[in-house]
């Protein structure tokens, strides 16, 4: 995973990391966001129709081993699972194609993203770091949200806590360009849907849960049998905006089934492996390319810089 050569992207990435540190404190060895998590392994099986979308290697094979990480929001390693700030939940999937060869999906449980560009995201984090969430009147955060309606909509979107990581849906934030063996390309966004169905808790039920209820539940669940998810791709129509993560496409857009995966075990030495793995929001595989969304290169740079920092801790 190479670091971008654009000096502006690297500088902006470092500024964003500094703001995460200002908000959540320095936690060596942990991610600056989605610090608390758990990793599992399993197997991905492509759908029959996925080959009409892409010639990617994990679609051309019968199955591919996967490593996944479920996580809570915030850069606080001990954030309680039942803290409202622990939403949206994160879900990263690595398709292990060969030794040191992989492609990833990075998703979270709220559809979309609060800002269009990395610079806007820096402004949002800076406003957050210099505001009191309990007293927003006249604060930098109130001013930012007042002038950025898409960010306000993201912040105000309902984010109920799931009863399990395995009972939540997750969304790829940015669009990807999929190309099949005939050279036909379509843009689409990933959706990851639980076979067991969505199940969310109300505020009272969430408050009554333990601080590690999601981490404990997923360990117990995978011990009883495979945890299954379906990967879908919502396809853009011609004319749909494909380079802006704040824009939702209409629900009527075609949904194609990409494949399914079954998680069967916890990753051994979980804490160490979480520290080592660096997920990549850019696919870097034949048949799936990034869109021109400006967040992609920036997110890849942040993941790499923070991963290197984590490994060195």
Protein backbone atom coordinates (compact mmCIF):
# COMPACT_ATOMS: atom_id res chain seq x y z
CA UNK A 1 0.00 0.00 0.00
CA UNK A 2 1.90 3.07 -1.23
CA UNK A 3 1.71 6.53 0.34
CA UNK A 4 0.27 9.09 -2.12
CA UNK A 5 2.91 11.26 -3.79
CA UNK A 6 0.75 14.40 -3.52
CA UNK A 7 2.30 16.51 -0.75
CA UNK A 8 -1.02 18.31 -0.11
CA UNK A 9 -2.75 15.00 0.61
CA UNK A 10 0.02 13.92 3.00
CA UNK A 11 -0.04 17.30 4.80
CA UNK A 12 -3.85 17.20 5.10
CA UNK A 13 -3.69 13.61 6.39
CA UNK A 14 -1.27 14.68 9.12
CA UNK A 15 -3.50 17.61 10.08
CA UNK A 16 -6.50 15.29 10.33
CA UNK A 17 -4.55 12.87 12.55
CA UNK A 18 -3.62 15.79 14.81
CA UNK A 19 -7.30 16.74 15.15
CA UNK A 20 -8.28 13.15 16.00
CA UNK A 21 -5.57 13.22 18.68
CA UNK A 22 -6.92 16.54 19.99
CA UNK A 23 -10.46 15.13 20.24
CA UNK A 24 -9.75 11.64 21.60
CA UNK A 25 -6.28 11.95 23.15
CA UNK A 26 -3.14 10.02 22.21
CA UNK A 27 -3.64 6.26 22.44
CA UNK A 28 -0.42 4.62 21.19
CA UNK A 29 -0.99 1.34 19.36
CA UNK A 30 -4.62 2.15 18.51
CA UNK A 31 -6.43 3.68 15.55
CA UNK A 32 -7.23 7.42 15.75
CA UNK A 33 -10.85 6.52 14.86
CA UNK A 34 -12.62 3.18 15.39
CA UNK A 35 -9.99 2.30 18.01
CA UNK A 36 -12.01 -0.43 19.71
CA UNK A 37 -12.66 -3.51 17.59
CA UNK A 38 -12.54 -7.25 17.11
CA UNK A 39 -11.39 -9.41 14.18
CA UNK A 40 -12.82 -12.62 12.72
CA UNK A 41 -12.05 -14.88 9.78
CA UNK A 42 -14.19 -16.69 7.27
CA UNK A 43 -14.81 -17.39 3.59
CA UNK A 44 -16.30 -15.31 0.76
CA UNK A 45 -18.28 -16.95 -2.06
CA UNK A 46 -19.14 -14.83 -5.13
CA UNK A 47 -22.64 -14.77 -6.56
CA UNK A 48 -23.40 -16.04 -10.07
CA UNK A 49 -24.25 -12.52 -11.27
CA UNK A 50 -21.13 -10.82 -9.85
CA UNK A 51 -19.12 -11.76 -12.98
CA UNK A 52 -21.47 -9.55 -15.03
CA UNK A 53 -20.17 -6.61 -12.95
CA UNK A 54 -16.45 -7.27 -12.48
CA UNK A 55 -13.54 -9.50 -13.48
CA UNK A 56 -11.93 -9.05 -10.02
CA UNK A 57 -9.98 -12.15 -8.88
CA UNK A 58 -12.21 -12.90 -5.87
CA UNK A 59 -15.19 -13.04 -8.25
CA UNK A 60 -13.42 -15.41 -10.66
CA UNK A 61 -12.67 -17.95 -7.88
CA UNK A 62 -14.99 -20.36 -6.11
CA UNK A 63 -14.11 -18.84 -2.75
CA UNK A 64 -11.62 -16.53 -1.02
CA UNK A 65 -10.55 -16.36 2.65
CA UNK A 66 -11.59 -13.15 4.41
CA UNK A 67 -10.45 -11.32 7.52
CA UNK A 68 -12.90 -8.77 8.96
CA UNK A 69 -12.88 -6.18 11.72
CA UNK A 70 -15.97 -4.87 13.50
CA UNK A 71 -15.45 -1.65 15.44
CA UNK A 72 -16.97 1.14 17.50
CA UNK A 73 -16.60 4.79 16.55
CA UNK A 74 -14.22 7.21 18.34
CA UNK A 75 -10.49 6.95 18.94
CA UNK A 76 -11.06 5.83 22.54
CA UNK A 77 -9.90 2.21 22.99
CA UNK A 78 -12.21 1.62 25.97
CA UNK A 79 -15.31 3.41 24.66
CA UNK A 80 -18.36 1.55 26.04
CA UNK A 81 -20.25 -0.34 23.32
CA UNK A 82 -23.45 1.25 24.65
CA UNK A 83 -22.12 4.84 24.46
CA UNK A 84 -24.10 6.81 21.81
CA UNK A 85 -20.74 8.07 20.47
CA UNK A 86 -19.80 4.47 19.57
CA UNK A 87 -22.06 4.83 16.49
CA UNK A 88 -21.72 4.53 13.58
CA UNK A 89 -20.13 1.08 13.80
CA UNK A 90 -17.32 0.20 11.42
CA UNK A 91 -16.88 -2.95 9.35
CA UNK A 92 -13.77 -3.64 7.25
CA UNK A 93 -13.41 -6.74 5.06
CA UNK A 94 -10.14 -8.04 3.62
CA UNK A 95 -10.20 -10.54 0.75
CA UNK A 96 -6.95 -12.53 1.06
CA UNK A 97 -6.02 -13.27 -2.58
CA UNK A 98 -2.46 -14.55 -1.96
CA UNK A 99 0.33 -13.94 0.50
CA UNK A 100 0.61 -10.14 0.84
CA UNK A 101 -2.01 -9.69 -1.92
CA UNK A 102 -5.46 -8.48 -0.93
CA UNK A 103 -8.30 -6.06 -1.62
CA UNK A 104 -10.50 -4.48 1.03
CA UNK A 105 -13.95 -3.00 1.62
CA UNK A 106 -14.20 -0.34 4.33
CA UNK A 107 -17.74 0.47 5.48
CA UNK A 108 -19.74 1.88 8.36
CA UNK A 109 -23.30 1.64 9.62
CA UNK A 110 -24.52 5.09 8.52
CA UNK A 111 -25.11 5.47 4.79
CA UNK A 112 -22.93 8.33 3.50
CA UNK A 113 -20.34 10.73 4.92
CA UNK A 114 -20.63 14.20 6.49
CA UNK A 115 -18.37 16.07 4.05
CA UNK A 116 -17.52 16.09 0.36
CA UNK A 117 -13.78 16.84 0.71
CA UNK A 118 -10.95 16.22 3.15
CA UNK A 119 -10.56 19.95 3.76
CA UNK A 120 -14.20 20.17 4.86
CA UNK A 121 -13.67 17.13 7.10
CA UNK A 122 -10.69 18.89 8.70
CA UNK A 123 -12.90 21.95 9.33
CA UNK A 124 -15.52 19.68 10.93
CA UNK A 125 -12.96 17.97 13.21
CA UNK A 126 -11.41 21.33 14.14
CA UNK A 127 -14.86 22.66 15.06
CA UNK A 128 -15.53 19.50 17.08
CA UNK A 129 -12.19 19.79 18.92
CA UNK A 130 -12.90 23.40 19.91
CA UNK A 131 -16.57 23.03 20.93
CA UNK A 132 -18.40 21.73 23.98
CA UNK A 133 -20.89 19.11 22.70
CA UNK A 134 -23.15 19.85 25.70
CA UNK A 135 -23.30 23.58 24.90
CA UNK A 136 -23.27 24.12 21.14
CA UNK A 137 -24.89 27.56 21.12
CA UNK A 138 -22.46 30.00 19.51
CA UNK A 139 -19.79 27.29 19.13
CA UNK A 140 -17.57 26.59 16.09
CA UNK A 141 -19.41 23.28 15.62
CA UNK A 142 -22.82 25.01 15.50
CA UNK A 143 -21.43 27.45 12.91
CA UNK A 144 -19.98 24.64 10.78
CA UNK A 145 -23.14 22.53 10.83
CA UNK A 146 -25.25 25.62 10.10
CA UNK A 147 -23.26 26.28 6.93
CA UNK A 148 -22.90 22.63 5.84
CA UNK A 149 -26.39 21.05 5.50
CA UNK A 150 -25.03 17.64 4.38
CA UNK A 151 -22.87 17.42 7.53
CA UNK A 152 -25.86 18.43 9.66
CA UNK A 153 -27.98 15.72 7.99
CA UNK A 154 -25.29 13.11 8.71
CA UNK A 155 -24.99 14.18 12.36
CA UNK A 156 -28.78 14.15 12.80
CA UNK A 157 -29.34 10.81 11.01
CA UNK A 158 -30.64 8.17 13.44
CA UNK A 159 -27.84 5.93 14.67
CA UNK A 160 -29.46 3.31 16.92
CA UNK A 161 -27.23 0.74 18.57
CA UNK A 162 -27.45 -2.80 17.13
CA UNK A 163 -28.13 -5.81 19.34
CA UNK A 164 -25.13 -7.44 17.63
CA UNK A 165 -22.48 -6.55 15.06
CA UNK A 166 -24.10 -9.43 13.14
CA UNK A 167 -27.51 -7.68 13.15
CA UNK A 168 -26.39 -4.43 11.50
CA UNK A 169 -26.11 -3.26 7.87
CA UNK A 170 -23.00 -1.44 6.66
CA UNK A 171 -22.37 0.91 3.74
CA UNK A 172 -19.35 1.57 1.55
CA UNK A 173 -18.94 5.33 1.78
CA UNK A 174 -17.49 5.98 -1.69
CA UNK A 175 -18.39 4.70 -5.14
CA UNK A 176 -16.15 2.27 -7.02
CA UNK A 177 -15.83 1.64 -10.76
CA UNK A 178 -16.47 -2.02 -11.60
CA UNK A 179 -15.36 -3.45 -14.98
CA UNK A 180 -16.27 -6.91 -16.29
CA UNK A 181 -14.35 -9.21 -18.66
CA UNK A 182 -16.08 -7.60 -21.67
CA UNK A 183 -14.76 -4.17 -20.68
CA UNK A 184 -18.16 -2.84 -19.59
CA UNK A 185 -17.91 -0.50 -16.58
CA UNK A 186 -20.50 0.56 -13.97
CA UNK A 187 -20.16 2.62 -10.82
CA UNK A 188 -21.55 1.21 -7.60
CA UNK A 189 -21.47 1.37 -3.82
CA UNK A 190 -21.19 -1.59 -1.48
CA UNK A 191 -23.85 -2.55 1.04
CA UNK A 192 -23.23 -5.35 3.53
CA UNK A 193 -26.42 -6.88 4.90
CA UNK A 194 -26.72 -9.45 7.72
CA UNK A 195 -28.42 -12.75 6.96
CA UNK A 196 -29.97 -12.62 10.44
CA UNK A 197 -31.61 -9.25 9.62
CA UNK A 198 -31.20 -5.86 11.25
CA UNK A 199 -32.02 -5.56 14.95
CA UNK A 200 -31.60 -2.26 16.80
CA UNK A 201 -32.11 -1.34 20.44
CA UNK A 202 -33.97 1.64 21.83
CA UNK A 203 -32.17 4.06 24.15
CA UNK A 204 -33.32 2.35 27.35
CA UNK A 205 -32.30 -1.12 26.16
CA UNK A 206 -28.92 0.23 25.00
CA UNK A 207 -28.27 1.93 28.35
CA UNK A 208 -29.00 -1.34 30.16
CA UNK A 209 -26.31 -3.21 28.17
CA UNK A 210 -22.76 -3.79 29.42
CA UNK A 211 -19.78 -1.74 28.23
CA UNK A 212 -18.53 -4.68 26.11
CA UNK A 213 -21.86 -6.19 25.07
CA UNK A 214 -21.12 -6.16 21.32
CA UNK A 215 -17.61 -7.59 21.66
CA UNK A 216 -18.83 -10.31 24.05
CA UNK A 217 -21.89 -11.15 21.94
CA UNK A 218 -19.96 -11.64 18.69
CA UNK A 219 -17.53 -14.01 20.43
CA UNK A 220 -20.45 -16.02 21.80
CA UNK A 221 -22.29 -15.96 18.45
CA UNK A 222 -19.38 -17.19 16.30
CA UNK A 223 -18.78 -19.95 18.86
CA UNK A 224 -22.25 -21.32 18.07
CA UNK A 225 -21.97 -21.29 14.26
CA UNK A 226 -21.12 -19.26 11.15
CA UNK A 227 -22.14 -15.58 10.95
CA UNK A 228 -23.37 -14.84 7.44
CA UNK A 229 -23.56 -11.59 5.48
CA UNK A 230 -24.52 -10.73 1.92
CA UNK A 231 -22.51 -8.13 -0.05
CA UNK A 232 -24.64 -6.08 -2.43
CA UNK A 233 -23.71 -3.32 -4.86
CA UNK A 234 -26.09 -0.43 -5.47
CA UNK A 235 -25.49 0.53 -9.10
CA UNK A 236 -25.45 4.13 -10.32
CA UNK A 237 -27.44 5.17 -13.37
CA UNK A 238 -25.88 7.32 -16.07
CA UNK A 239 -25.89 10.88 -14.78
CA UNK A 240 -25.75 9.95 -11.09
CA UNK A 241 -23.02 11.75 -9.10
CA UNK A 242 -20.32 9.16 -8.38
CA UNK A 243 -17.59 11.29 -6.79
CA UNK A 244 -19.40 12.76 -3.76
CA UNK A 245 -19.92 10.63 -0.63
CA UNK A 246 -22.53 13.05 0.76
CA UNK A 247 -24.95 12.33 -2.11
CA UNK A 248 -27.33 9.38 -1.88
CA UNK A 249 -28.58 7.70 -5.02
CA UNK A 250 -32.32 6.97 -5.20
CA UNK A 251 -33.41 3.74 -3.49
CA UNK A 252 -34.87 2.59 -6.80
CA UNK A 253 -31.42 2.03 -8.29
CA UNK A 254 -30.60 -1.58 -9.21
CA UNK A 255 -29.05 -3.68 -6.44
CA UNK A 256 -26.75 -6.48 -7.61
CA UNK A 257 -25.70 -9.37 -5.38
CA UNK A 258 -21.89 -9.47 -5.19
CA UNK A 259 -21.59 -12.53 -2.96
CA UNK A 260 -21.88 -13.89 0.55
CA UNK A 261 -19.44 -14.60 3.33
CA UNK A 262 -19.51 -16.74 6.44
CA UNK A 263 -17.43 -15.83 9.49
CA UNK A 264 -16.39 -18.92 11.41
CA UNK A 265 -13.69 -18.03 13.97
CA UNK A 266 -11.98 -15.30 15.94
CA UNK A 267 -8.56 -14.22 14.73
CA UNK A 268 -5.83 -15.58 17.02
CA UNK A 269 -3.82 -13.01 19.02
CA UNK A 270 -6.58 -10.51 18.23
CA UNK A 271 -5.05 -7.38 19.79
CA UNK A 272 -1.72 -7.89 18.00
CA UNK A 273 -3.34 -8.57 14.63
CA UNK A 274 -5.59 -5.50 14.95
CA UNK A 275 -2.48 -3.42 15.56
CA UNK A 276 -0.74 -4.88 12.48
CA UNK A 277 -3.45 -4.84 9.83
CA UNK A 278 -3.84 -1.68 7.73
CA UNK A 279 -7.04 -1.68 5.69
CA UNK A 280 -7.04 0.18 2.37
CA UNK A 281 -10.14 1.98 1.06
CA UNK A 282 -8.68 1.88 -2.50
CA UNK A 283 -9.32 -1.56 -4.11
CA UNK A 284 -5.99 -1.89 -6.05
CA UNK A 285 -7.23 -4.93 -7.95
CA UNK A 286 -8.09 -5.58 -11.59
CA UNK A 287 -11.79 -5.08 -12.28
CA UNK A 288 -12.46 -2.66 -9.38
CA UNK A 289 -11.04 0.86 -9.45
CA UNK A 290 -11.60 3.90 -7.24
CA UNK A 291 -13.94 6.63 -8.43
CA UNK A 292 -12.72 10.22 -8.50
CA UNK A 293 -14.10 10.82 -4.99
CA UNK A 294 -11.51 13.11 -3.33
CA UNK A 295 -11.88 11.28 -0.01
CA UNK A 296 -10.33 8.05 -1.29
CA UNK A 297 -6.66 9.04 -1.65
CA UNK A 298 -6.90 10.99 1.61
CA UNK A 299 -8.44 8.13 3.56
CA UNK A 300 -5.82 5.73 2.19
CA UNK A 301 -3.05 8.10 3.34
CA UNK A 302 -4.56 8.48 6.83
CA UNK A 303 -4.96 4.71 7.21
CA UNK A 304 -1.36 4.14 6.16
CA UNK A 305 0.16 6.91 8.32
CA UNK A 306 -1.86 5.90 11.38
CA UNK A 307 -1.08 2.22 10.72
CA UNK A 308 2.63 2.88 10.62
CA UNK A 309 2.33 4.88 13.84
CA UNK A 310 0.31 2.07 15.45
CA UNK A 311 2.85 -0.60 14.48
CA UNK A 312 5.72 1.51 15.83
CA UNK A 313 4.03 2.04 19.22
